[in-house]
Amino acid sequence: ERAFVAAIDLSGGSADYTNSVAGRFTISRDNAKNTVSLQMNRLKPEDT
């Protein structure tokens, strides 16, 4: 099944992550551009 990775609130002021990606991934959003991004660092094979 699909598994939660990260979420960000309406303003972008709060974010949360699943434990396995915390500290490696960063979620962000730009409400002016209608975009959300996920920066993934130090990737591991289990992130496939």
ModelCIF file with pLDDT and N, C-alpha, C, O atoms, coordinates in Angstrom:
data_MODEL
#
_entry.id   MODEL 
#
_entity.id                         1 
_entity.type                       polymer 
_entity.pdbx_number_of_molecules   1 
#
_entity_poly.entity_id                      1 
_entity_poly.type                           'polypeptide(L)' 
_entity_poly.nstd_linkage                   no 
_entity_poly.nstd_monomer                   no 
_entity_poly.pdbx_seq_one_letter_code       ERAFVAAIDLSGGSADYTNSVAGRFTISRDNAKNTVSLQMNRLKPEDT 
_entity_poly.pdbx_seq_one_letter_code_can   ERAFVAAIDLSGGSADYTNSVAGRFTISRDNAKNTVSLQMNRLKPEDT 
_entity_poly.pdbx_strand_id                 A 
#
loop_
_entity_poly_seq.entity_id 
_entity_poly_seq.num 
_entity_poly_seq.mon_id 
_entity_poly_seq.hetero 
1 1  GLU n 
1 2  ARG n 
1 3  ALA n 
1 4  PHE n 
1 5  VAL n 
1 6  ALA n 
1 7  ALA n 
1 8  ILE n 
1 9  ASP n 
1 10 LEU n 
1 11 SER n 
1 12 GLY n 
1 13 GLY n 
1 14 SER n 
1 15 ALA n 
1 16 ASP n 
1 17 TYR n 
1 18 THR n 
1 19 ASN n 
1 20 SER n 
1 21 VAL n 
1 22 ALA n 
1 23 GLY n 
1 24 ARG n 
1 25 PHE n 
1 26 THR n 
1 27 ILE n 
1 28 SER n 
1 29 ARG n 
1 30 ASP n 
1 31 ASN n 
1 32 ALA n 
1 33 LYS n 
1 34 ASN n 
1 35 THR n 
1 36 VAL n 
1 37 SER n 
1 38 LEU n 
1 39 GLN n 
1 40 MET n 
1 41 ASN n 
1 42 ARG n 
1 43 LEU n 
1 44 LYS n 
1 45 PRO n 
1 46 GLU n 
1 47 ASP n 
1 48 THR n 
#
_struct_asym.id          A 
_struct_asym.entity_id   1 
#
loop_
_ma_qa_metric.id 
_ma_qa_metric.mode 
_ma_qa_metric.name 
_ma_qa_metric.software_group_id 
_ma_qa_metric.type 
1 global pLDDT . pLDDT 
2 local  pLDDT . pLDDT 
#
_ma_qa_metric_global.metric_id      1 
_ma_qa_metric_global.metric_value   97.48 
_ma_qa_metric_global.model_id       1 
_ma_qa_metric_global.ordinal_id     1 
#
loop_
_ma_qa_metric_local.label_asym_id 
_ma_qa_metric_local.label_comp_id 
_ma_qa_metric_local.label_seq_id 
_ma_qa_metric_local.metric_id 
_ma_qa_metric_local.metric_value 
_ma_qa_metric_local.model_id 
_ma_qa_metric_local.ordinal_id 
A GLU 1  2 96.00 1 1  
A ARG 2  2 97.00 1 2  
A ALA 3  2 98.00 1 3  
A PHE 4  2 98.00 1 4  
A VAL 5  2 98.00 1 5  
A ALA 6  2 98.00 1 6  
A ALA 7  2 98.00 1 7  
A ILE 8  2 98.00 1 8  
A ASP 9  2 97.00 1 9  
A LEU 10 2 96.00 1 10 
A SER 11 2 95.00 1 11 
A GLY 12 2 96.00 1 12 
A GLY 13 2 96.00 1 13 
A SER 14 2 97.00 1 14 
A ALA 15 2 98.00 1 15 
A ASP 16 2 98.00 1 16 
A TYR 17 2 98.00 1 17 
A THR 18 2 98.00 1 18 
A ASN 19 2 98.00 1 19 
A SER 20 2 98.00 1 20 
A VAL 21 2 98.00 1 21 
A ALA 22 2 98.00 1 22 
A GLY 23 2 98.00 1 23 
A ARG 24 2 98.00 1 24 
A PHE 25 2 98.00 1 25 
A THR 26 2 98.00 1 26 
A ILE 27 2 98.00 1 27 
A SER 28 2 98.00 1 28 
A ARG 29 2 98.00 1 29 
A ASP 30 2 97.00 1 30 
A ASN 31 2 96.00 1 31 
A ALA 32 2 95.00 1 32 
A LYS 33 2 96.00 1 33 
A ASN 34 2 96.00 1 34 
A THR 35 2 97.00 1 35 
A VAL 36 2 98.00 1 36 
A SER 37 2 98.00 1 37 
A LEU 38 2 98.00 1 38 
A GLN 39 2 98.00 1 39 
A MET 40 2 98.00 1 40 
A ASN 41 2 98.00 1 41 
A ARG 42 2 98.00 1 42 
A LEU 43 2 98.00 1 43 
A LYS 44 2 98.00 1 44 
A PRO 45 2 98.00 1 45 
A GLU 46 2 98.00 1 46 
A ASP 47 2 98.00 1 47 
A THR 48 2 98.00 1 48 
#
loop_
_atom_site.group_PDB 
_atom_site.id 
_atom_site.type_symbol 
_atom_site.label_atom_id 
_atom_site.label_alt_id 
_atom_site.label_comp_id 
_atom_site.label_asym_id 
_atom_site.label_entity_id 
_atom_site.label_seq_id 
_atom_site.pdbx_PDB_ins_code 
_atom_site.Cartn_x 
_atom_site.Cartn_y 
_atom_site.Cartn_z 
_atom_site.occupancy 
_atom_site.B_iso_or_equiv 
_atom_site.pdbx_formal_charge 
_atom_site.auth_seq_id 
_atom_site.auth_comp_id 
_atom_site.auth_asym_id 
_atom_site.auth_atom_id 
_atom_site.pdbx_PDB_model_num 
ATOM 1   N N  . GLU A 1 1  ? 0.838  -1.186 0.000  1.00 96.00 ? 1  GLU A N  1 
ATOM 2   C CA . GLU A 1 1  ? 0.000  0.000  0.000  1.00 96.00 ? 1  GLU A CA 1 
ATOM 3   C C  . GLU A 1 1  ? 0.881  1.248  0.000  1.00 96.00 ? 1  GLU A C  1 
ATOM 4   O O  . GLU A 1 1  ? 2.057  1.199  0.361  1.00 96.00 ? 1  GLU A O  1 
ATOM 5   N N  . ARG A 1 2  ? 0.286  2.357  -0.411 1.00 97.00 ? 2  ARG A N  1 
ATOM 6   C CA . ARG A 1 2  ? 1.022  3.620  -0.340 1.00 97.00 ? 2  ARG A CA 1 
ATOM 7   C C  . ARG A 1 2  ? 1.320  3.967  1.112  1.00 97.00 ? 2  ARG A C  1 
ATOM 8   O O  . ARG A 1 2  ? 0.488  3.795  2.003  1.00 97.00 ? 2  ARG A O  1 
ATOM 9   N N  . ALA A 1 3  ? 2.534  4.460  1.316  1.00 98.00 ? 3  ALA A N  1 
ATOM 10  C CA . ALA A 1 3  ? 2.982  4.781  2.665  1.00 98.00 ? 3  ALA A CA 1 
ATOM 11  C C  . ALA A 1 3  ? 3.300  6.264  2.775  1.00 98.00 ? 3  ALA A C  1 
ATOM 12  O O  . ALA A 1 3  ? 3.835  6.871  1.848  1.00 98.00 ? 3  ALA A O  1 
ATOM 13  N N  . PHE A 1 4  ? 2.966  6.825  3.905  1.00 98.00 ? 4  PHE A N  1 
ATOM 14  C CA . PHE A 1 4  ? 3.217  8.237  4.168  1.00 98.00 ? 4  PHE A CA 1 
ATOM 15  C C  . PHE A 1 4  ? 4.710  8.527  4.197  1.00 98.00 ? 4  PHE A C  1 
ATOM 16  O O  . PHE A 1 4  ? 5.494  7.781  4.784  1.00 98.00 ? 4  PHE A O  1 
ATOM 17  N N  . VAL A 1 5  ? 5.090  9.632  3.547  1.00 98.00 ? 5  VAL A N  1 
ATOM 18  C CA . VAL A 1 5  ? 6.475  10.070 3.563  1.00 98.00 ? 5  VAL A CA 1 
ATOM 19  C C  . VAL A 1 5  ? 6.602  11.406 4.294  1.00 98.00 ? 5  VAL A C  1 
ATOM 20  O O  . VAL A 1 5  ? 7.375  11.531 5.243  1.00 98.00 ? 5  VAL A O  1 
ATOM 21  N N  . ALA A 1 6  ? 5.834  12.407 3.843  1.00 98.00 ? 6  ALA A N  1 
ATOM 22  C CA . ALA A 1 6  ? 5.937  13.745 4.419  1.00 98.00 ? 6  ALA A CA 1 
ATOM 23  C C  . ALA A 1 6  ? 4.677  14.522 4.114  1.00 98.00 ? 6  ALA A C  1 
ATOM 24  O O  . ALA A 1 6  ? 3.996  14.253 3.124  1.00 98.00 ? 6  ALA A O  1 
ATOM 25  N N  . ALA A 1 7  ? 4.366  15.491 4.966  1.00 98.00 ? 7  ALA A N  1 
ATOM 26  C CA . ALA A 1 7  ? 3.222  16.374 4.750  1.00 98.00 ? 7  ALA A CA 1 
ATOM 27  C C  . ALA A 1 7  ? 3.577  17.782 5.188  1.00 98.00 ? 7  ALA A C  1 
ATOM 28  O O  . ALA A 1 7  ? 4.459  17.987 6.022  1.00 98.00 ? 7  ALA A O  1 
ATOM 29  N N  . ILE A 1 8  ? 2.877  18.749 4.612  1.00 98.00 ? 8  ILE A N  1 
ATOM 30  C CA . ILE A 1 8  ? 3.107  20.149 4.951  1.00 98.00 ? 8  ILE A CA 1 
ATOM 31  C C  . ILE A 1 8  ? 1.758  20.844 5.050  1.00 98.00 ? 8  ILE A C  1 
ATOM 32  O O  . ILE A 1 8  ? 0.844  20.572 4.272  1.00 98.00 ? 8  ILE A O  1 
ATOM 33  N N  . ASP A 1 9  ? 1.649  21.745 6.019  1.00 97.00 ? 9  ASP A N  1 
ATOM 34  C CA . ASP A 1 9  ? 0.350  22.375 6.252  1.00 97.00 ? 9  ASP A CA 1 
ATOM 35  C C  . ASP A 1 9  ? 0.078  23.491 5.243  1.00 97.00 ? 9  ASP A C  1 
ATOM 36  O O  . ASP A 1 9  ? 0.885  23.748 4.350  1.00 97.00 ? 9  ASP A O  1 
ATOM 37  N N  . LEU A 1 10 ? -1.072 24.148 5.400  1.00 96.00 ? 10 LEU A N  1 
ATOM 38  C CA . LEU A 1 10 ? -1.542 25.100 4.402  1.00 96.00 ? 10 LEU A CA 1 
ATOM 39  C C  . LEU A 1 10 ? -0.555 26.227 4.145  1.00 96.00 ? 10 LEU A C  1 
ATOM 40  O O  . LEU A 1 10 ? -0.355 26.628 2.998  1.00 96.00 ? 10 LEU A O  1 
ATOM 41  N N  . SER A 1 11 ? 0.060  26.739 5.196  1.00 95.00 ? 11 SER A N  1 
ATOM 42  C CA . SER A 1 11 ? 0.949  27.890 5.056  1.00 95.00 ? 11 SER A CA 1 
ATOM 43  C C  . SER A 1 11 ? 2.387  27.502 4.765  1.00 95.00 ? 11 SER A C  1 
ATOM 44  O O  . SER A 1 11 ? 3.188  28.330 4.331  1.00 95.00 ? 11 SER A O  1 
ATOM 45  N N  . GLY A 1 12 ? 2.712  26.234 5.007  1.00 96.00 ? 12 GLY A N  1 
ATOM 46  C CA . GLY A 1 12 ? 4.096  25.804 4.880  1.00 96.00 ? 12 GLY A CA 1 
ATOM 47  C C  . GLY A 1 12 ? 4.885  25.954 6.170  1.00 96.00 ? 12 GLY A C  1 
ATOM 48  O O  . GLY A 1 12 ? 6.091  25.710 6.198  1.00 96.00 ? 12 GLY A O  1 
ATOM 49  N N  . GLY A 1 13 ? 4.204  26.354 7.239  1.00 96.00 ? 13 GLY A N  1 
ATOM 50  C CA . GLY A 1 13 ? 4.889  26.578 8.491  1.00 96.00 ? 13 GLY A CA 1 
ATOM 51  C C  . GLY A 1 13 ? 5.129  25.330 9.311  1.00 96.00 ? 13 GLY A C  1 
ATOM 52  O O  . GLY A 1 13 ? 5.979  25.324 10.202 1.00 96.00 ? 13 GLY A O  1 
ATOM 53  N N  . SER A 1 14 ? 4.384  24.264 9.018  1.00 97.00 ? 14 SER A N  1 
ATOM 54  C CA . SER A 1 14 ? 4.560  23.010 9.741  1.00 97.00 ? 14 SER A CA 1 
ATOM 55  C C  . SER A 1 14 ? 4.716  21.870 8.757  1.00 97.00 ? 14 SER A C  1 
ATOM 56  O O  . SER A 1 14 ? 4.079  21.844 7.704  1.00 97.00 ? 14 SER A O  1 
ATOM 57  N N  . ALA A 1 15 ? 5.573  20.927 9.116  1.00 98.00 ? 15 ALA A N  1 
ATOM 58  C CA . ALA A 1 15 ? 5.804  19.758 8.283  1.00 98.00 ? 15 ALA A CA 1 
ATOM 59  C C  . ALA A 1 15 ? 6.059  18.557 9.179  1.00 98.00 ? 15 ALA A C  1 
ATOM 60  O O  . ALA A 1 15 ? 6.462  18.698 10.333 1.00 98.00 ? 15 ALA A O  1 
ATOM 61  N N  . ASP A 1 16 ? 5.823  17.397 8.639  1.00 98.00 ? 16 ASP A N  1 
ATOM 62  C CA . ASP A 1 16 ? 6.066  16.170 9.398  1.00 98.00 ? 16 ASP A CA 1 
ATOM 63  C C  . ASP A 1 16 ? 6.545  15.095 8.438  1.00 98.00 ? 16 ASP A C  1 
ATOM 64  O O  . ASP A 1 16 ? 6.268  15.137 7.239  1.00 98.00 ? 16 ASP A O  1 
ATOM 65  N N  . TYR A 1 17 ? 7.277  14.121 8.995  1.00 98.00 ? 17 TYR A N  1 
ATOM 66  C CA . TYR A 1 17 ? 7.912  13.099 8.183  1.00 98.00 ? 17 TYR A CA 1 
ATOM 67  C C  . TYR A 1 17 ? 7.756  11.735 8.831  1.00 98.00 ? 17 TYR A C  1 
ATOM 68  O O  . TYR A 1 17 ? 7.628  11.621 10.050 1.00 98.00 ? 17 TYR A O  1 
ATOM 69  N N  . THR A 1 18 ? 7.769  10.715 8.010  1.00 98.00 ? 18 THR A N  1 
ATOM 70  C CA . THR A 1 18 ? 7.884  9.384  8.565  1.00 98.00 ? 18 THR A CA 1 
ATOM 71  C C  . THR A 1 18 ? 9.300  9.221  9.102  1.00 98.00 ? 18 THR A C  1 
ATOM 72  O O  . THR A 1 18 ? 10.236 9.851  8.609  1.00 98.00 ? 18 THR A O  1 
ATOM 73  N N  . ASN A 1 19 ? 9.451  8.380  10.106 1.00 98.00 ? 19 ASN A N  1 
ATOM 74  C CA . ASN A 1 19 ? 10.742 8.281  10.803 1.00 98.00 ? 19 ASN A CA 1 
ATOM 75  C C  . ASN A 1 19 ? 11.901 7.935  9.877  1.00 98.00 ? 19 ASN A C  1 
ATOM 76  O O  . ASN A 1 19 ? 13.011 8.433  10.062 1.00 98.00 ? 19 ASN A O  1 
ATOM 77  N N  . SER A 1 20 ? 11.655 7.094  8.890  1.00 98.00 ? 20 SER A N  1 
ATOM 78  C CA . SER A 1 20 ? 12.752 6.599  8.062  1.00 98.00 ? 20 SER A CA 1 
ATOM 79  C C  . SER A 1 20 ? 13.364 7.672  7.156  1.00 98.00 ? 20 SER A C  1 
ATOM 80  O O  . SER A 1 20 ? 14.459 7.481  6.628  1.00 98.00 ? 20 SER A O  1 
ATOM 81  N N  . VAL A 1 21 ? 12.665 8.798  6.972  1.00 98.00 ? 21 VAL A N  1 
ATOM 82  C CA . VAL A 1 21 ? 13.208 9.858  6.106  1.00 98.00 ? 21 VAL A CA 1 
ATOM 83  C C  . VAL A 1 21 ? 13.523 11.134 6.873  1.00 98.00 ? 21 VAL A C  1 
ATOM 84  O O  . VAL A 1 21 ? 14.150 12.042 6.327  1.00 98.00 ? 21 VAL A O  1 
ATOM 85  N N  . ALA A 1 22 ? 13.102 11.217 8.123  1.00 98.00 ? 22 ALA A N  1 
ATOM 86  C CA . ALA A 1 22 ? 13.339 12.425 8.922  1.00 98.00 ? 22 ALA A CA 1 
ATOM 87  C C  . ALA A 1 22 ? 14.836 12.713 8.977  1.00 98.00 ? 22 ALA A C  1 
ATOM 88  O O  . ALA A 1 22 ? 15.649 11.827 9.240  1.00 98.00 ? 22 ALA A O  1 
ATOM 89  N N  . GLY A 1 23 ? 15.177 13.972 8.721  1.00 98.00 ? 23 GLY A N  1 
ATOM 90  C CA . GLY A 1 23 ? 16.570 14.372 8.708  1.00 98.00 ? 23 GLY A CA 1 
ATOM 91  C C  . GLY A 1 23 ? 17.242 14.230 7.351  1.00 98.00 ? 23 GLY A C  1 
ATOM 92  O O  . GLY A 1 23 ? 18.331 14.765 7.139  1.00 98.00 ? 23 GLY A O  1 
ATOM 93  N N  . ARG A 1 24 ? 16.609 13.520 6.436  1.00 98.00 ? 24 ARG A N  1 
ATOM 94  C CA . ARG A 1 24 ? 17.171 13.358 5.075  1.00 98.00 ? 24 ARG A CA 1 
ATOM 95  C C  . ARG A 1 24 ? 16.299 14.048 4.019  1.00 98.00 ? 24 ARG A C  1 
ATOM 96  O O  . ARG A 1 24 ? 16.812 14.572 3.030  1.00 98.00 ? 24 ARG A O  1 
ATOM 97  N N  . PHE A 1 25 ? 14.987 14.044 4.235  1.00 98.00 ? 25 PHE A N  1 
ATOM 98  C CA . PHE A 1 25 ? 14.052 14.633 3.285  1.00 98.00 ? 25 PHE A CA 1 
ATOM 99  C C  . PHE A 1 25 ? 13.492 15.935 3.835  1.00 98.00 ? 25 PHE A C  1 
ATOM 100 O O  . PHE A 1 25 ? 13.339 16.100 5.046  1.00 98.00 ? 25 PHE A O  1 
ATOM 101 N N  . THR A 1 26 ? 13.190 16.859 2.925  1.00 98.00 ? 26 THR A N  1 
ATOM 102 C CA . THR A 1 26 ? 12.556 18.119 3.308  1.00 98.00 ? 26 THR A CA 1 
ATOM 103 C C  . THR A 1 26 ? 11.421 18.437 2.341  1.00 98.00 ? 26 THR A C  1 
ATOM 104 O O  . THR A 1 26 ? 11.621 18.492 1.127  1.00 98.00 ? 26 THR A O  1 
ATOM 105 N N  . ILE A 1 27 ? 10.232 18.643 2.890  1.00 98.00 ? 27 ILE A N  1 
ATOM 106 C CA . ILE A 1 27 ? 9.092  19.034 2.081  1.00 98.00 ? 27 ILE A CA 1 
ATOM 107 C C  . ILE A 1 27 ? 8.914  20.546 2.166  1.00 98.00 ? 27 ILE A C  1 
ATOM 108 O O  . ILE A 1 27 ? 9.108  21.142 3.226  1.00 98.00 ? 27 ILE A O  1 
ATOM 109 N N  . SER A 1 28 ? 8.548  21.159 1.052  1.00 98.00 ? 28 SER A N  1 
ATOM 110 C CA . SER A 1 28 ? 8.311  22.598 1.033  1.00 98.00 ? 28 SER A CA 1 
ATOM 111 C C  . SER A 1 28 ? 7.212  22.905 0.031  1.00 98.00 ? 28 SER A C  1 
ATOM 112 O O  . SER A 1 28 ? 6.883  22.072 -0.815 1.00 98.00 ? 28 SER A O  1 
ATOM 113 N N  . ARG A 1 29 ? 6.649  24.091 0.126  1.00 98.00 ? 29 ARG A N  1 
ATOM 114 C CA . ARG A 1 29 ? 5.600  24.489 -0.816 1.00 98.00 ? 29 ARG A CA 1 
ATOM 115 C C  . ARG A 1 29 ? 5.743  25.965 -1.145 1.00 98.00 ? 29 ARG A C  1 
ATOM 116 O O  . ARG A 1 29 ? 6.288  26.748 -0.367 1.00 98.00 ? 29 ARG A O  1 
ATOM 117 N N  . ASP A 1 30 ? 5.242  26.318 -2.309 1.00 97.00 ? 30 ASP A N  1 
ATOM 118 C CA . ASP A 1 30 ? 5.199  27.700 -2.745 1.00 97.00 ? 30 ASP A CA 1 
ATOM 119 C C  . ASP A 1 30 ? 3.776  27.978 -3.201 1.00 97.00 ? 30 ASP A C  1 
ATOM 120 O O  . ASP A 1 30 ? 3.393  27.618 -4.314 1.00 97.00 ? 30 ASP A O  1 
ATOM 121 N N  . ASN A 1 31 ? 3.003  28.613 -2.350 1.00 96.00 ? 31 ASN A N  1 
ATOM 122 C CA . ASN A 1 31 ? 1.594  28.832 -2.658 1.00 96.00 ? 31 ASN A CA 1 
ATOM 123 C C  . ASN A 1 31 ? 1.398  29.820 -3.805 1.00 96.00 ? 31 ASN A C  1 
ATOM 124 O O  . ASN A 1 31 ? 0.359  29.799 -4.465 1.00 96.00 ? 31 ASN A O  1 
ATOM 125 N N  . ALA A 1 32 ? 2.370  30.672 -4.047 1.00 95.00 ? 32 ALA A N  1 
ATOM 126 C CA . ALA A 1 32 ? 2.269  31.618 -5.157 1.00 95.00 ? 32 ALA A CA 1 
ATOM 127 C C  . ALA A 1 32 ? 2.439  30.907 -6.498 1.00 95.00 ? 32 ALA A C  1 
ATOM 128 O O  . ALA A 1 32 ? 1.904  31.346 -7.517 1.00 95.00 ? 32 ALA A O  1 
ATOM 129 N N  . LYS A 1 33 ? 3.188  29.808 -6.486 1.00 96.00 ? 33 LYS A N  1 
ATOM 130 C CA . LYS A 1 33 ? 3.451  29.070 -7.722 1.00 96.00 ? 33 LYS A CA 1 
ATOM 131 C C  . LYS A 1 33 ? 2.679  27.759 -7.797 1.00 96.00 ? 33 LYS A C  1 
ATOM 132 O O  . LYS A 1 33 ? 2.799  27.018 -8.773 1.00 96.00 ? 33 LYS A O  1 
ATOM 133 N N  . ASN A 1 34 ? 1.873  27.469 -6.745 1.00 96.00 ? 34 ASN A N  1 
ATOM 134 C CA . ASN A 1 34 ? 1.092  26.222 -6.706 1.00 96.00 ? 34 ASN A CA 1 
ATOM 135 C C  . ASN A 1 34 ? 1.979  24.987 -6.872 1.00 96.00 ? 34 ASN A C  1 
ATOM 136 O O  . ASN A 1 34 ? 1.684  24.092 -7.665 1.00 96.00 ? 34 ASN A O  1 
ATOM 137 N N  . THR A 1 35 ? 3.053  24.960 -6.116 1.00 97.00 ? 35 THR A N  1 
ATOM 138 C CA . THR A 1 35 ? 3.965  23.826 -6.192 1.00 97.00 ? 35 THR A CA 1 
ATOM 139 C C  . THR A 1 35 ? 4.320  23.314 -4.801 1.00 97.00 ? 35 THR A C  1 
ATOM 140 O O  . THR A 1 35 ? 4.314  24.062 -3.824 1.00 97.00 ? 35 THR A O  1 
ATOM 141 N N  . VAL A 1 36 ? 4.622  22.044 -4.737 1.00 98.00 ? 36 VAL A N  1 
ATOM 142 C CA . VAL A 1 36 ? 5.166  21.421 -3.526 1.00 98.00 ? 36 VAL A CA 1 
ATOM 143 C C  . VAL A 1 36 ? 6.349  20.565 -3.966 1.00 98.00 ? 36 VAL A C  1 
ATOM 144 O O  . VAL A 1 36 ? 6.320  19.933 -5.022 1.00 98.00 ? 36 VAL A O  1 
ATOM 145 N N  . SER A 1 37 ? 7.375  20.559 -3.148 1.00 98.00 ? 37 SER A N  1 
ATOM 146 C CA . SER A 1 37 ? 8.602  19.855 -3.501 1.00 98.00 ? 37 SER A CA 1 
ATOM 147 C C  . SER A 1 37 ? 9.031  18.922 -2.382 1.00 98.00 ? 37 SER A C  1 
ATOM 148 O O  . SER A 1 37 ? 8.644  19.089 -1.226 1.00 98.00 ? 37 SER A O  1 
ATOM 149 N N  . LEU A 1 38 ? 9.834  17.943 -2.747 1.00 98.00 ? 38 LEU A N  1 
ATOM 150 C CA . LEU A 1 38 ? 10.420 17.028 -1.769 1.00 98.00 ? 38 LEU A CA 1 
ATOM 151 C C  . LEU A 1 38 ? 11.904 16.908 -2.094 1.00 98.00 ? 38 LEU A C  1 
ATOM 152 O O  . LEU A 1 38 ? 12.281 16.273 -3.079 1.00 98.00 ? 38 LEU A O  1 
ATOM 153 N N  . GLN A 1 39 ? 12.735 17.513 -1.269 1.00 98.00 ? 39 GLN A N  1 
ATOM 154 C CA . GLN A 1 39 ? 14.181 17.388 -1.421 1.00 98.00 ? 39 GLN A CA 1 
ATOM 155 C C  . GLN A 1 39 ? 14.623 16.133 -0.691 1.00 98.00 ? 39 GLN A C  1 
ATOM 156 O O  . GLN A 1 39 ? 14.405 16.002 0.513  1.00 98.00 ? 39 GLN A O  1 
ATOM 157 N N  . MET A 1 40 ? 15.240 15.215 -1.409 1.00 98.00 ? 40 MET A N  1 
ATOM 158 C CA . MET A 1 40 ? 15.630 13.935 -0.836 1.00 98.00 ? 40 MET A CA 1 
ATOM 159 C C  . MET A 1 40 ? 17.153 13.826 -0.871 1.00 98.00 ? 40 MET A C  1 
ATOM 160 O O  . MET A 1 40 ? 17.756 13.777 -1.943 1.00 98.00 ? 40 MET A O  1 
ATOM 161 N N  . ASN A 1 41 ? 17.758 13.789 0.292  1.00 98.00 ? 41 ASN A N  1 
ATOM 162 C CA . ASN A 1 41 ? 19.209 13.689 0.411  1.00 98.00 ? 41 ASN A CA 1 
ATOM 163 C C  . ASN A 1 41 ? 19.607 12.340 1.003  1.00 98.00 ? 41 ASN A C  1 
ATOM 164 O O  . ASN A 1 41 ? 18.800 11.659 1.636  1.00 98.00 ? 41 ASN A O  1 
ATOM 165 N N  . ARG A 1 42 ? 20.853 11.974 0.786  1.00 98.00 ? 42 ARG A N  1 
ATOM 166 C CA . ARG A 1 42 ? 21.406 10.728 1.334  1.00 98.00 ? 42 ARG A CA 1 
ATOM 167 C C  . ARG A 1 42 ? 20.455 9.566  1.055  1.00 98.00 ? 42 ARG A C  1 
ATOM 168 O O  . ARG A 1 42 ? 20.080 8.820  1.960  1.00 98.00 ? 42 ARG A O  1 
ATOM 169 N N  . LEU A 1 43 ? 20.083 9.432  -0.185 1.00 98.00 ? 43 LEU A N  1 
ATOM 170 C CA . LEU A 1 43 ? 19.119 8.401  -0.566 1.00 98.00 ? 43 LEU A CA 1 
ATOM 171 C C  . LEU A 1 43 ? 19.671 7.004  -0.305 1.00 98.00 ? 43 LEU A C  1 
ATOM 172 O O  . LEU A 1 43 ? 20.874 6.758  -0.393 1.00 98.00 ? 43 LEU A O  1 
ATOM 173 N N  . LYS A 1 44 ? 18.755 6.105  0.016  1.00 98.00 ? 44 LYS A N  1 
ATOM 174 C CA . LYS A 1 44 ? 19.086 4.715  0.308  1.00 98.00 ? 44 LYS A CA 1 
ATOM 175 C C  . LYS A 1 44 ? 18.304 3.811  -0.648 1.00 98.00 ? 44 LYS A C  1 
ATOM 176 O O  . LYS A 1 44 ? 17.263 4.211  -1.168 1.00 98.00 ? 44 LYS A O  1 
ATOM 177 N N  . PRO A 1 45 ? 18.801 2.600  -0.878 1.00 98.00 ? 45 PRO A N  1 
ATOM 178 C CA . PRO A 1 45 ? 18.054 1.684  -1.753 1.00 98.00 ? 45 PRO A CA 1 
ATOM 179 C C  . PRO A 1 45 ? 16.616 1.466  -1.285 1.00 98.00 ? 45 PRO A C  1 
ATOM 180 O O  . PRO A 1 45 ? 15.722 1.271  -2.108 1.00 98.00 ? 45 PRO A O  1 
ATOM 181 N N  . GLU A 1 46 ? 16.389 1.496  0.012  1.00 98.00 ? 46 GLU A N  1 
ATOM 182 C CA . GLU A 1 46 ? 15.023 1.290  0.517  1.00 98.00 ? 46 GLU A CA 1 
ATOM 183 C C  . GLU A 1 46 ? 14.096 2.476  0.244  1.00 98.00 ? 46 GLU A C  1 
ATOM 184 O O  . GLU A 1 46 ? 12.899 2.395  0.520  1.00 98.00 ? 46 GLU A O  1 
ATOM 185 N N  . ASP A 1 47 ? 14.632 3.572  -0.293 1.00 98.00 ? 47 ASP A N  1 
ATOM 186 C CA . ASP A 1 47 ? 13.790 4.683  -0.709 1.00 98.00 ? 47 ASP A CA 1 
ATOM 187 C C  . ASP A 1 47 ? 13.203 4.459  -2.108 1.00 98.00 ? 47 ASP A C  1 
ATOM 188 O O  . ASP A 1 47 ? 12.377 5.247  -2.571 1.00 98.00 ? 47 ASP A O  1 
ATOM 189 N N  . THR A 1 48 ? 13.626 3.397  -2.769 1.00 98.00 ? 48 THR A N  1 
ATOM 190 C CA . THR A 1 48 ? 13.118 3.078  -4.100 1.00 98.00 ? 48 THR A CA 1 
ATOM 191 C C  . THR A 1 48 ? 11.613 2.851  -4.046 1.00 98.00 ? 48 THR A C  1 
ATOM 192 O O  . THR A 1 48 ? 10.993 2.570  -5.072 1.00 98.00 ? 48 THR A O  1 
#
